[in-house]
C-alpha atoms as a PDB file:
ATOM      1  CA  MET A   1      85.958 114.720 118.422  1.00  0.00           C
ATOM      2  CA  ALA A   2      88.819 115.683 120.691  1.00  0.00           C
ATOM      3  CA  ARG A   3      88.354 118.644 122.951  1.00  0.00           C
ATOM      4  CA  GLN A   4      89.709 120.320 126.072  1.00  0.00           C
ATOM      5  CA  THR A   5      88.357 123.439 127.702  1.00  0.00           C
ATOM      6  CA  HIS A   6      88.901 125.135 131.073  1.00  0.00           C
ATOM      7  CA  GLY A   7      87.745 128.311 132.703  1.00  0.00           C
ATOM      8  CA  TYR A   8      90.946 129.708 134.238  1.00  0.00           C
ATOM      9  CA  ALA A   9      93.518 130.638 131.609  1.00  0.00           C
ATOM     10  CA  ALA A  10      97.019 129.459 132.559  1.00  0.00           C
ATOM     11  CA  ILE A  11     100.002 127.853 130.859  1.00  0.00           C
ATOM     12  CA  ARG A  12     102.818 125.667 132.137  1.00  0.00           C
ATOM     13  CA  SER A  13     106.203 127.344 132.330  1.00  0.00           C
ATOM     14  CA  THR A  14     107.933 124.713 130.158  1.00  0.00           C
ATOM     15  CA  LEU A  15     106.516 126.316 127.019  1.00  0.00           C
ATOM     16  CA  LEU A  16     107.601 129.836 128.001  1.00  0.00           C
ATOM     17  CA  ALA A  17     111.083 128.504 128.746  1.00  0.00           C
ATOM     18  CA  SER A  18     111.310 127.181 125.176  1.00  0.00           C
ATOM     19  CA  VAL A  19     110.102 130.535 123.835  1.00  0.00           C
ATOM     20  CA  LEU A  20     112.697 132.380 125.949  1.00  0.00           C
ATOM     21  CA  ASP A  21     115.513 130.220 124.583  1.00  0.00           C
ATOM     22  CA  ARG A  22     114.510 131.138 121.020  1.00  0.00           C
ATOM     23  CA  LEU A  23     114.152 134.830 121.852  1.00  0.00           C
ATOM     24  CA  MET A  24     117.619 134.970 123.410  1.00  0.00           C
ATOM     25  CA  ALA A  25     119.053 133.218 120.357  1.00  0.00           C
ATOM     26  CA  ARG A  26     117.670 136.131 118.336  1.00  0.00           C
ATOM     27  CA  GLY A  27     119.355 138.671 120.586  1.00  0.00           C
ATOM     28  CA  VAL A  28     116.146 139.831 122.287  1.00  0.00           C
ATOM     29  CA  ALA A  29     116.651 141.149 125.843  1.00  0.00           C
ATOM     30  CA  THR A  30     114.296 138.891 127.774  1.00  0.00           C
ATOM     31  CA  LYS A  31     114.903 140.086 131.360  1.00  0.00           C
ATOM     32  CA  PRO A  32     113.117 143.436 130.874  1.00  0.00           C
ATOM     33  CA  LEU A  33     110.224 141.583 129.241  1.00  0.00           C
ATOM     34  CA  LEU A  34     109.929 139.139 132.123  1.00  0.00           C
ATOM     35  CA  SER A  35     110.065 141.967 134.659  1.00  0.00           C
ATOM     36  CA  LYS A  36     107.452 143.999 132.792  1.00  0.00           C
ATOM     37  CA  HIS A  37     104.985 141.108 132.918  1.00  0.00           C
ATOM     38  CA  GLY A  38     105.705 139.969 136.466  1.00  0.00           C
ATOM     39  CA  ILE A  39     107.385 136.695 135.492  1.00  0.00           C
ATOM     40  CA  SER A  40     110.423 135.648 137.528  1.00  0.00           C
ATOM     41  CA  LEU A  41     113.181 133.301 136.385  1.00  0.00           C
ATOM     42  CA  ASP A  42     112.543 131.219 139.526  1.00  0.00           C
ATOM     43  CA  MET A  43     109.055 130.455 138.216  1.00  0.00           C
ATOM     44  CA  LEU A  44     110.619 128.965 135.081  1.00  0.00           C
ATOM     45  CA  LYS A  45     112.773 126.502 137.011  1.00  0.00           C
ATOM     46  CA  ASP A  46     109.742 124.286 137.591  1.00  0.00           C
ATOM     47  CA  PRO A  47     108.519 123.101 134.157  1.00  0.00           C
ATOM     48  CA  TYR A  48     105.126 122.228 135.634  1.00  0.00           C
ATOM     49  CA  ALA A  49     104.484 125.593 137.288  1.00  0.00           C
ATOM     50  CA  HIS A  50     101.472 127.538 136.006  1.00  0.00           C
ATOM     51  CA  LEU A  51     101.754 131.061 134.619  1.00  0.00           C
ATOM     52  CA  SER A  52      98.887 133.411 133.850  1.00  0.00           C
ATOM     53  CA  MET A  53      97.835 133.054 130.212  1.00  0.00           C
ATOM     54  CA  ASN A  54      97.164 136.786 130.159  1.00  0.00           C
ATOM     55  CA  GLU A  55     100.763 137.560 131.125  1.00  0.00           C
ATOM     56  CA  TYR A  56     102.130 134.942 128.725  1.00  0.00           C
ATOM     57  CA  VAL A  57     100.176 136.388 125.788  1.00  0.00           C
ATOM     58  CA  SER A  58     101.105 139.967 126.749  1.00  0.00           C
ATOM     59  CA  PHE A  59     104.756 138.883 127.025  1.00  0.00           C
ATOM     60  CA  PHE A  60     104.605 137.524 123.465  1.00  0.00           C
ATOM     61  CA  GLU A  61     103.052 140.733 122.122  1.00  0.00           C
ATOM     62  CA  SER A  62     105.711 142.836 123.893  1.00  0.00           C
ATOM     63  CA  ALA A  63     108.438 140.586 122.437  1.00  0.00           C
ATOM     64  CA  ALA A  64     107.179 141.337 118.930  1.00  0.00           C
ATOM     65  CA  GLU A  65     107.295 145.058 119.640  1.00  0.00           C
ATOM     66  CA  LEU A  66     110.718 144.992 121.290  1.00  0.00           C
ATOM     67  CA  SER A  67     112.304 142.791 118.619  1.00  0.00           C
ATOM     68  CA  GLY A  68     110.777 144.733 115.734  1.00  0.00           C
ATOM     69  CA  ASP A  69     109.628 141.407 114.288  1.00  0.00           C
ATOM     70  CA  PRO A  70     105.833 141.343 113.753  1.00  0.00           C
ATOM     71  CA  HIS A  71     106.073 137.589 113.064  1.00  0.00           C
ATOM     72  CA  ILE A  72     108.119 136.703 116.146  1.00  0.00           C
ATOM     73  CA  GLY A  73     105.525 134.140 117.276  1.00  0.00           C
ATOM     74  CA  ALA A  74     105.563 132.393 113.901  1.00  0.00           C
ATOM     75  CA  HIS A  75     109.365 132.518 113.649  1.00  0.00           C
ATOM     76  CA  ILE A  76     109.734 130.900 117.072  1.00  0.00           C
ATOM     77  CA  GLY A  77     107.024 128.383 116.173  1.00  0.00           C
ATOM     78  CA  MET A  78     109.193 127.235 113.258  1.00  0.00           C
ATOM     79  CA  ASP A  79     111.989 126.408 115.718  1.00  0.00           C
ATOM     80  CA  ILE A  80     109.817 124.389 118.089  1.00  0.00           C
ATOM     81  CA  ARG A  81     110.408 120.638 118.230  1.00  0.00           C
ATOM     82  CA  ALA A  82     108.228 117.903 119.679  1.00  0.00           C
ATOM     83  CA  GLY A  83     110.141 117.771 122.968  1.00  0.00           C
ATOM     84  CA  ASP A  84     109.528 121.485 123.579  1.00  0.00           C
ATOM     85  CA  LEU A  85     105.826 120.715 123.948  1.00  0.00           C
ATOM     86  CA  GLY A  86     106.487 118.328 126.828  1.00  0.00           C
ATOM     87  CA  PRO A  87     104.932 114.850 127.020  1.00  0.00           C
ATOM     88  CA  MET A  88     102.147 115.779 124.587  1.00  0.00           C
ATOM     89  CA  GLY A  89     104.682 116.687 121.906  1.00  0.00           C
ATOM     90  CA  ILE A  90     106.622 113.457 122.442  1.00  0.00           C
ATOM     91  CA  LEU A  91     103.341 111.540 122.249  1.00  0.00           C
ATOM     92  CA  LEU A  92     102.597 113.157 118.881  1.00  0.00           C
ATOM     93  CA  SER A  93     106.058 112.188 117.593  1.00  0.00           C
ATOM     94  CA  LEU A  94     105.389 108.538 118.480  1.00  0.00           C
ATOM     95  CA  SER A  95     101.966 108.412 116.791  1.00  0.00           C
ATOM     96  CA  ARG A  96     101.340 106.088 113.864  1.00  0.00           C
ATOM     97  CA  SER A  97      99.593 108.747 111.752  1.00  0.00           C
ATOM     98  CA  ILE A  98      99.107 112.502 111.580  1.00  0.00           C
ATOM     99  CA  HIS A  99      95.432 111.979 112.447  1.00  0.00           C
ATOM    100  CA  VAL A 100      96.270 110.098 115.641  1.00  0.00           C
ATOM    101  CA  GLY A 101      98.961 112.650 116.509  1.00  0.00           C
ATOM    102  CA  ILE A 102      96.691 115.690 116.176  1.00  0.00           C
ATOM    103  CA  ASP A 103      93.903 113.906 118.022  1.00  0.00           C
ATOM    104  CA  ARG A 104      96.289 113.251 120.905  1.00  0.00           C
ATOM    105  CA  ILE A 105      97.496 116.854 120.903  1.00  0.00           C
ATOM    106  CA  ALA A 106      93.891 118.081 121.170  1.00  0.00           C
ATOM    107  CA  LYS A 107      93.104 115.630 123.968  1.00  0.00           C
ATOM    108  CA  SER A 108      96.334 116.458 125.812  1.00  0.00           C
ATOM    109  CA  ALA A 109      96.203 120.245 125.468  1.00  0.00           C
ATOM    110  CA  ALA A 110      94.918 120.676 129.017  1.00  0.00           C
ATOM    111  CA  ALA A 111      98.163 119.182 130.319  1.00  0.00           C
ATOM    112  CA  LEU A 112     100.029 122.202 128.922  1.00  0.00           C
ATOM    113  CA  GLN A 113      97.518 125.031 129.233  1.00  0.00           C
ATOM    114  CA  SER A 114      94.028 125.776 130.504  1.00  0.00           C
ATOM    115  CA  GLY A 115      91.400 128.367 129.686  1.00  0.00           C
ATOM    116  CA  THR A 116      91.732 127.409 126.039  1.00  0.00           C
ATOM    117  CA  GLU A 117      89.540 125.518 123.627  1.00  0.00           C
ATOM    118  CA  MET A 118      91.058 123.045 121.187  1.00  0.00           C
ATOM    119  CA  THR A 119      88.982 120.797 118.935  1.00  0.00           C
ATOM    120  CA  PHE A 120      89.712 118.264 116.209  1.00  0.00           C
ATOM    121  CA  LEU A 121      86.633 117.586 114.107  1.00  0.00           C
ATOM    122  CA  LEU A 122      85.494 116.013 110.862  1.00  0.00           C
ATOM    123  CA  ASN A 123      84.066 118.765 108.660  1.00  0.00           C
ATOM    124  CA  GLY A 124      82.548 117.185 105.566  1.00  0.00           C
ATOM    125  CA  GLU A 125      85.494 115.594 103.727  1.00  0.00           C
ATOM    126  CA  ASP A 126      88.042 117.612 105.708  1.00  0.00           C
ATOM    127  CA  MET A 127      89.408 117.587 109.244  1.00  0.00           C
ATOM    128  CA  VAL A 128      89.571 120.824 111.226  1.00  0.00           C
ATOM    129  CA  MET A 129      91.782 121.570 114.200  1.00  0.00           C
ATOM    130  CA  SER A 130      90.773 124.782 115.946  1.00  0.00           C
ATOM    131  CA  TYR A 131      92.441 126.645 118.808  1.00  0.00           C
ATOM    132  CA  GLN A 132      91.304 129.631 120.822  1.00  0.00           C
ATOM    133  CA  ILE A 133      91.840 131.289 124.202  1.00  0.00           C
ATOM    134  CA  GLU A 134      88.408 131.370 125.813  1.00  0.00           C
ATOM    135  CA  ASP A 135      88.719 134.712 127.594  1.00  0.00           C
ATOM    136  CA  ALA A 136      87.963 137.353 124.928  1.00  0.00           C
ATOM    137  CA  ARG A 137      89.483 140.028 127.185  1.00  0.00           C
ATOM    138  CA  ILE A 138      92.936 138.573 126.475  1.00  0.00           C
ATOM    139  CA  TRP A 139      93.521 140.609 123.337  1.00  0.00           C
ATOM    140  CA  PRO A 140      95.529 141.218 121.206  1.00  0.00           C
ATOM    141  CA  ARG A 141      96.822 137.660 120.968  1.00  0.00           C
ATOM    142  CA  ARG A 142      98.151 137.408 117.438  1.00  0.00           C
ATOM    143  CA  GLN A 143     101.601 136.121 118.432  1.00  0.00           C
ATOM    144  CA  ASP A 144     100.176 133.230 120.461  1.00  0.00           C
ATOM    145  CA  ALA A 145      97.829 132.252 117.616  1.00  0.00           C
ATOM    146  CA  GLU A 146     100.560 132.308 114.953  1.00  0.00           C
ATOM    147  CA  PHE A 147     102.994 130.506 117.266  1.00  0.00           C
ATOM    148  CA  SER A 148     100.439 127.786 118.038  1.00  0.00           C
ATOM    149  CA  LEU A 149      99.470 126.982 114.443  1.00  0.00           C
ATOM    150  CA  VAL A 150     102.987 127.310 113.028  1.00  0.00           C
ATOM    151  CA  SER A 151     104.508 125.099 115.736  1.00  0.00           C
ATOM    152  CA  THR A 152     101.799 122.468 115.192  1.00  0.00           C
ATOM    153  CA  VAL A 153     102.517 122.325 111.457  1.00  0.00           C
ATOM    154  CA  GLN A 154     106.286 122.326 112.057  1.00  0.00           C
ATOM    155  CA  VAL A 155     106.117 119.392 114.490  1.00  0.00           C
ATOM    156  CA  ILE A 156     103.945 117.453 112.018  1.00  0.00           C
ATOM    157  CA  ARG A 157     106.459 118.077 109.225  1.00  0.00           C
ATOM    158  CA  ASP A 158     109.390 117.086 111.444  1.00  0.00           C
ATOM    159  CA  ASN A 159     107.812 113.807 112.522  1.00  0.00           C
ATOM    160  CA  PHE A 160     105.720 112.714 109.557  1.00  0.00           C
ATOM    161  CA  LEU A 161     106.063 114.412 106.178  1.00  0.00           C
ATOM    162  CA  ARG A 162     108.307 117.375 105.370  1.00  0.00           C
ATOM    163  CA  ARG A 163     106.176 118.561 102.454  1.00  0.00           C
ATOM    164  CA  TRP A 164     102.848 118.328 104.320  1.00  0.00           C
ATOM    165  CA  SER A 165     100.601 121.397 104.333  1.00  0.00           C
ATOM    166  CA  PRO A 166      97.040 122.123 105.424  1.00  0.00           C
ATOM    167  CA  GLN A 167      94.435 123.128 102.840  1.00  0.00           C
ATOM    168  CA  GLN A 168      93.631 126.419 104.578  1.00  0.00           C
ATOM    169  CA  VAL A 169      94.734 128.326 107.663  1.00  0.00           C
ATOM    170  CA  HIS A 170      92.364 130.644 109.546  1.00  0.00           C
ATOM    171  CA  PHE A 171      93.314 133.340 112.058  1.00  0.00           C
ATOM    172  CA  GLU A 172      90.960 135.383 114.220  1.00  0.00           C
ATOM    173  CA  HIS A 173      93.130 138.513 114.027  1.00  0.00           C
ATOM    174  CA  ALA A 174      93.207 140.949 111.128  1.00  0.00           C
ATOM    175  CA  GLN A 175      95.516 140.455 108.167  1.00  0.00           C
ATOM    176  CA  PRO A 176      98.946 141.992 108.877  1.00  0.00           C
ATOM    177  CA  ASP A 177     100.537 144.517 106.533  1.00  0.00           C
ATOM    178  CA  SER A 178     102.590 141.702 105.032  1.00  0.00           C
ATOM    179  CA  ASP A 179     101.946 137.991 105.439  1.00  0.00           C
ATOM    180  CA  MET A 180     104.353 136.693 102.806  1.00  0.00           C
ATOM    181  CA  PHE A 181     106.316 134.768 105.439  1.00  0.00           C
ATOM    182  CA  LEU A 182     103.202 132.962 106.670  1.00  0.00           C
ATOM    183  CA  ARG A 183     102.084 132.098 103.138  1.00  0.00           C
ATOM    184  CA  GLN A 184     105.520 130.735 102.310  1.00  0.00           C
ATOM    185  CA  PHE A 185     105.531 128.648 105.480  1.00  0.00           C
ATOM    186  CA  PHE A 186     102.017 127.210 105.307  1.00  0.00           C
ATOM    187  CA  ARG A 187     101.983 126.910 101.478  1.00  0.00           C
ATOM    188  CA  CYS A 188      98.203 127.320 101.365  1.00  0.00           C
ATOM    189  CA  PRO A 189      95.560 130.093 101.462  1.00  0.00           C
ATOM    190  CA  ILE A 190      95.292 132.027 104.746  1.00  0.00           C
ATOM    191  CA  LEU A 191      92.078 133.718 105.871  1.00  0.00           C
ATOM    192  CA  TYR A 192      91.957 136.412 108.558  1.00  0.00           C
ATOM    193  CA  GLY A 193      89.243 137.832 110.800  1.00  0.00           C
ATOM    194  CA  GLN A 194      87.770 134.355 111.274  1.00  0.00           C
ATOM    195  CA  ALA A 195      85.678 133.015 114.139  1.00  0.00           C
ATOM    196  CA  THR A 196      88.633 131.055 115.514  1.00  0.00           C
ATOM    197  CA  ASN A 197      92.173 129.935 114.665  1.00  0.00           C
ATOM    198  CA  ARG A 198      92.015 126.827 112.474  1.00  0.00           C
ATOM    199  CA  LEU A 199      93.917 124.353 110.347  1.00  0.00           C
ATOM    200  CA  VAL A 200      91.661 122.920 107.643  1.00  0.00           C
ATOM    201  CA  MET A 201      93.182 119.646 106.410  1.00  0.00           C
ATOM    202  CA  GLU A 202      92.479 117.032 103.757  1.00  0.00           C
ATOM    203  CA  ARG A 203      91.481 113.860 105.587  1.00  0.00           C
ATOM    204  CA  ALA A 204      93.143 111.153 103.459  1.00  0.00           C
ATOM    205  CA  PRO A 205      96.812 112.164 104.037  1.00  0.00           C
ATOM    206  CA  LEU A 206      96.153 112.338 107.776  1.00  0.00           C
ATOM    207  CA  MET A 207      95.247 108.640 107.824  1.00  0.00           C
ATOM    208  CA  GLU A 208      98.466 107.331 106.240  1.00  0.00           C
ATOM    209  CA  LEU A 209     100.589 105.136 108.526  1.00  0.00           C
ATOM    210  CA  TYR A 210     104.181 106.210 109.220  1.00  0.00           C
ATOM    211  CA  ARG A 211     105.385 103.929 112.004  1.00  0.00           C
ATOM    212  CA  VAL A 212     104.568 101.134 114.397  1.00  0.00           C
ATOM    213  CA  GLU A 213     103.897 102.641 117.800  1.00  0.00           C
ATOM    214  CA  ASP A 214     105.798 101.758 120.953  1.00  0.00           C
ATOM    215  CA  THR A 215     102.660 100.853 122.881  1.00  0.00           C
ATOM    216  CA  ALA A 216     104.366 100.687 126.277  1.00  0.00           C
ATOM    217  CA  LEU A 217     105.887 104.157 125.918  1.00  0.00           C
ATOM    218  CA  VAL A 218     102.647 105.595 124.522  1.00  0.00           C
ATOM    219  CA  SER A 219     100.708 104.144 127.449  1.00  0.00           C
ATOM    220  CA  MET A 220     103.169 105.601 129.965  1.00  0.00           C
ATOM    221  CA  LEU A 221     102.970 109.068 128.392  1.00  0.00           C
ATOM    222  CA  GLU A 222      99.178 108.978 128.219  1.00  0.00           C
ATOM    223  CA  ARG A 223      99.025 108.071 131.907  1.00  0.00           C
ATOM    224  CA  HIS A 224     101.414 110.908 132.797  1.00  0.00           C
ATOM    225  CA  ILE A 225      99.380 113.388 130.737  1.00  0.00           C
ATOM    226  CA  GLY A 226      96.204 112.140 132.382  1.00  0.00           C
ATOM    227  CA  ASP A 227      97.728 112.785 135.807  1.00  0.00           C
ATOM    228  CA  LEU A 228      98.665 116.341 134.758  1.00  0.00           C
ATOM    229  CA  ILE A 229      95.138 117.014 133.548  1.00  0.00           C
ATOM    230  CA  GLU A 230      93.627 115.588 136.732  1.00  0.00           C
ATOM    231  CA  ALA A 231      95.810 117.988 138.740  1.00  0.00           C
ATOM    232  CA  THR A 232      93.622 120.821 137.428  1.00  0.00           C
ATOM    233  CA  PRO A 233      90.141 119.302 137.747  1.00  0.00           C
ATOM    234  CA  HIS A 234      87.264 120.688 135.752  1.00  0.00           C
ATOM    235  CA  GLU A 235      83.695 119.749 135.021  1.00  0.00           C
ATOM    236  CA  SER A 236      82.899 119.291 131.355  1.00  0.00           C
ATOM    237  CA  THR A 237      79.298 119.472 130.206  1.00  0.00           C
ATOM    238  CA  LEU A 238      77.430 118.761 127.000  1.00  0.00           C
ATOM    239  CA  THR A 239      77.014 122.523 126.633  1.00  0.00           C
ATOM    240  CA  ASP A 240      80.824 122.864 126.645  1.00  0.00           C
ATOM    241  CA  ALA A 241      81.144 120.222 123.928  1.00  0.00           C
ATOM    242  CA  VAL A 242      78.476 121.850 121.757  1.00  0.00           C
ATOM    243  CA  ARG A 243      80.072 125.278 122.161  1.00  0.00           C
ATOM    244  CA  ALA A 244      83.387 123.839 120.955  1.00  0.00           C
ATOM    245  CA  ILE A 245      81.743 122.294 117.866  1.00  0.00           C
ATOM    246  CA  VAL A 246      79.884 125.494 117.032  1.00  0.00           C
ATOM    247  CA  THR A 247      82.988 127.685 117.411  1.00  0.00           C
ATOM    248  CA  SER A 248      85.028 125.311 115.273  1.00  0.00           C
ATOM    249  CA  SER A 249      82.358 125.258 112.538  1.00  0.00           C
ATOM    250  CA  LEU A 250      81.409 128.952 112.329  1.00  0.00           C
ATOM    251  CA  GLY A 251      81.943 130.272 108.821  1.00  0.00           C
ATOM    252  CA  LEU A 252      82.915 126.838 107.475  1.00  0.00           C
ATOM    253  CA  ARG A 253      79.592 125.052 107.210  1.00  0.00           C
ATOM    254  CA  PRO A 254      75.946 125.528 108.249  1.00  0.00           C
ATOM    255  CA  ILE A 255      75.301 124.594 111.886  1.00  0.00           C
ATOM    256  CA  SER A 256      72.285 122.375 112.499  1.00  0.00           C
ATOM    257  CA  VAL A 257      70.986 120.139 115.268  1.00  0.00           C
ATOM    258  CA  GLU A 258      71.476 117.132 112.979  1.00  0.00           C
ATOM    259  CA  ARG A 259      75.163 117.847 112.281  1.00  0.00           C
ATOM    260  CA  VAL A 260      76.055 118.670 115.872  1.00  0.00           C
ATOM    261  CA  ALA A 261      74.230 115.563 117.102  1.00  0.00           C
ATOM    262  CA  GLU A 262      76.057 113.376 114.574  1.00  0.00           C
ATOM    263  CA  THR A 263      79.425 114.722 115.723  1.00  0.00           C
ATOM    264  CA  LEU A 264      78.570 113.878 119.326  1.00  0.00           C
ATOM    265  CA  GLY A 265      77.100 110.465 118.497  1.00  0.00           C
ATOM    266  CA  LEU A 266      73.622 111.461 119.686  1.00  0.00           C
ATOM    267  CA  SER A 267      70.236 111.608 118.045  1.00  0.00           C
ATOM    268  CA  PRO A 268      68.944 115.146 117.351  1.00  0.00           C
ATOM    269  CA  ARG A 269      66.106 114.645 119.817  1.00  0.00           C
ATOM    270  CA  ASN A 270      68.452 113.378 122.524  1.00  0.00           C
ATOM    271  CA  LEU A 271      70.795 116.334 121.977  1.00  0.00           C
ATOM    272  CA  GLN A 272      67.943 118.832 122.285  1.00  0.00           C
ATOM    273  CA  ARG A 273      66.656 117.127 125.421  1.00  0.00           C
ATOM    274  CA  LYS A 274      70.053 117.054 127.133  1.00  0.00           C
ATOM    275  CA  LEU A 275      70.739 120.704 126.286  1.00  0.00           C
ATOM    276  CA  SER A 276      67.334 121.635 127.648  1.00  0.00           C
ATOM    277  CA  GLU A 277      68.204 119.858 130.892  1.00  0.00           C
ATOM    278  CA  GLU A 278      71.313 122.074 131.093  1.00  0.00           C
ATOM    279  CA  GLY A 279      69.145 125.155 130.578  1.00  0.00           C
ATOM    280  CA  THR A 280      70.036 126.010 127.008  1.00  0.00           C
ATOM    281  CA  SER A 281      69.498 125.117 123.345  1.00  0.00           C
ATOM    282  CA  LEU A 282      71.583 124.961 120.200  1.00  0.00           C
ATOM    283  CA  ARG A 283      69.988 128.166 118.939  1.00  0.00           C
ATOM    284  CA  ASP A 284      70.839 129.994 122.180  1.00  0.00           C
ATOM    285  CA  LEU A 285      74.435 128.723 122.098  1.00  0.00           C
ATOM    286  CA  VAL A 286      74.964 129.746 118.467  1.00  0.00           C
ATOM    287  CA  ASP A 287      73.547 133.171 119.276  1.00  0.00           C
ATOM    288  CA  ASP A 288      75.786 133.574 122.344  1.00  0.00           C
ATOM    289  CA  ILE A 289      78.913 132.491 120.489  1.00  0.00           C
ATOM    290  CA  ARG A 290      78.209 134.769 117.543  1.00  0.00           C
ATOM    291  CA  ARG A 291      77.671 137.688 119.896  1.00  0.00           C
ATOM    292  CA  ASP A 292      80.905 136.992 121.775  1.00  0.00           C
ATOM    293  CA  ARG A 293      82.927 136.555 118.598  1.00  0.00           C
ATOM    294  CA  ALA A 294      81.388 139.698 117.088  1.00  0.00           C
ATOM    295  CA  THR A 295      82.534 141.609 120.176  1.00  0.00           C
ATOM    296  CA  THR A 296      86.107 140.454 119.651  1.00  0.00           C
ATOM    297  CA  LEU A 297      86.258 140.846 115.877  1.00  0.00           C
ATOM    298  CA  LEU A 298      84.617 144.270 115.824  1.00  0.00           C
ATOM    299  CA  SER A 299      87.025 145.480 118.499  1.00  0.00           C
ATOM    300  CA  ASP A 300      89.756 145.014 115.887  1.00  0.00           C
ATOM    301  CA  GLY A 301      89.197 148.032 113.660  1.00  0.00           C
ATOM    302  CA  ASP A 302      91.142 146.449 110.793  1.00  0.00           C
ATOM    303  CA  ILE A 303      88.572 143.717 110.047  1.00  0.00           C
ATOM    304  CA  PRO A 304      85.797 144.955 107.699  1.00  0.00           C
ATOM    305  CA  VAL A 305      82.245 144.461 108.979  1.00  0.00           C
ATOM    306  CA  GLY A 306      81.363 142.376 105.923  1.00  0.00           C
ATOM    307  CA  GLU A 307      84.195 139.972 106.702  1.00  0.00           C
ATOM    308  CA  VAL A 308      83.048 139.713 110.321  1.00  0.00           C
ATOM    309  CA  ALA A 309      79.577 138.741 109.081  1.00  0.00           C
ATOM    310  CA  ALA A 310      81.003 136.029 106.817  1.00  0.00           C
ATOM    311  CA  ALA A 311      83.301 134.704 109.558  1.00  0.00           C
ATOM    312  CA  LEU A 312      80.288 134.282 111.853  1.00  0.00           C
ATOM    313  CA  GLY A 313      78.379 132.325 109.219  1.00  0.00           C
ATOM    314  CA  TYR A 314      75.825 134.940 108.147  1.00  0.00           C
ATOM    315  CA  ALA A 315      74.601 134.807 104.571  1.00  0.00           C
ATOM    316  CA  ASP A 316      75.031 138.552 104.174  1.00  0.00           C
ATOM    317  CA  GLY A 317      75.750 141.758 106.054  1.00  0.00           C
ATOM    318  CA  THR A 318      72.040 142.540 106.470  1.00  0.00           C
ATOM    319  CA  ALA A 319      71.443 139.379 108.502  1.00  0.00           C
ATOM    320  CA  PHE A 320      74.402 140.244 110.719  1.00  0.00           C
ATOM    321  CA  TRP A 321      73.164 143.835 111.082  1.00  0.00           C
ATOM    322  CA  ARG A 322      69.760 142.634 112.293  1.00  0.00           C
ATOM    323  CA  ALA A 323      71.229 140.119 114.726  1.00  0.00           C
ATOM    324  CA  HIS A 324      73.651 142.653 116.190  1.00  0.00           C
ATOM    325  CA  LYS A 325      70.909 145.234 116.571  1.00  0.00           C
ATOM    326  CA  ARG A 326      68.912 142.648 118.523  1.00  0.00           C
ATOM    327  CA  TRP A 327      71.880 141.871 120.797  1.00  0.00           C
ATOM    328  CA  SER A 328      73.088 145.334 121.681  1.00  0.00           C
ATOM    329  CA  LYS A 329      70.584 147.861 120.278  1.00  0.00           C
ATOM    330  CA  LEU A 330      73.496 149.121 118.176  1.00  0.00           C
ATOM    331  CA  THR A 331      74.499 148.301 114.619  1.00  0.00           C
ATOM    332  CA  PRO A 332      77.981 146.865 113.947  1.00  0.00           C
ATOM    333  CA  ARG A 333      79.075 150.166 112.379  1.00  0.00           C
ATOM    334  CA  GLU A 334      77.902 152.132 115.429  1.00  0.00           C
ATOM    335  CA  VAL A 335      80.021 149.852 117.605  1.00  0.00           C
ATOM    336  CA  ARG A 336      82.975 150.292 115.263  1.00  0.00           C
ATOM    337  CA  SER A 337      82.583 154.072 115.400  1.00  0.00           C
ATOM    338  CA  GLY A 338      82.973 154.051 119.166  1.00  0.00           C
ATOM    339  CA  LYS A 339      79.398 154.069 120.474  1.00  0.00           C
ATOM    340  CA  GLY A 340      79.487 150.508 121.775  1.00  0.00           C
ATOM    341  CA  TYR A 341      81.640 148.156 123.731  1.00  0.00           C
ATOM    342  CA  ARG A 342      85.398 148.317 123.815  1.00  0.00           C
ATOM    343  CA  PHE A 343      88.061 146.094 125.403  1.00  0.00           C
END
């Protein structure tokens, strides 16, 4: 498993600079957008400067509105090349296989942005890469999600196999009025209103070897990325790791102590003991994550309640109804009608 998670949501300016270049090439007036979201051009001169993830995501959403292009994030993602992602993108381009490249991207994500959760997990016979901004209050965030998954696929195609496609793509936001462009790009089924943003991939093609790695250059980049990550220290716990596995697996497969323990290389008993020492349990974590994700998904009035239930891994709407009633004393439909929480 590869995973990075941080509490404070921020992103390095190098990525926004690449986005700005693509927006200007499309004739979008970027100065008013930067001013609206409190981002100065001076901040972009330092590629390692941190910008608020909230402002970055809001900037992207405003760009879609101003440009009149509801797929602006995906369109820019198609133009992204490995070097635009900084040292982590170059490291992916040097990798011997797609599997190694994605694993390195997941491990290096904290060098580019924080306050996000990225995992790369074995899910039965498939591999799953999931990506999500941790702070549910940063919403809507459709453009960032589409940009992130499209750019990942584009960089893989550029550096490994032009015809490569995932088996499925999952987005946490509701299905747009038209998603023909996304379906043509990904060339696979796309599901919306899911627990997280995911690429579900067949494992075998990811393992094929494409090149012999330049070990000296790879080592230098990994050390540089490690230094960048260390510059924003964080404390990772077993609870964090379990939360990432649960979020990545919701709606894809049943979540059990045995499966989570196997992913972490622990025995089920050892996992339960360690979680207990951190003051929690797998059941409590699954419950918390489902409640948080339900809050986000129900706040989007375009996602049917039944689809929210399925995305959270409930067998049927009745089970979801009972769980939600226990959490908030309100049913999902009462929340949707305006009696409950709102962002």
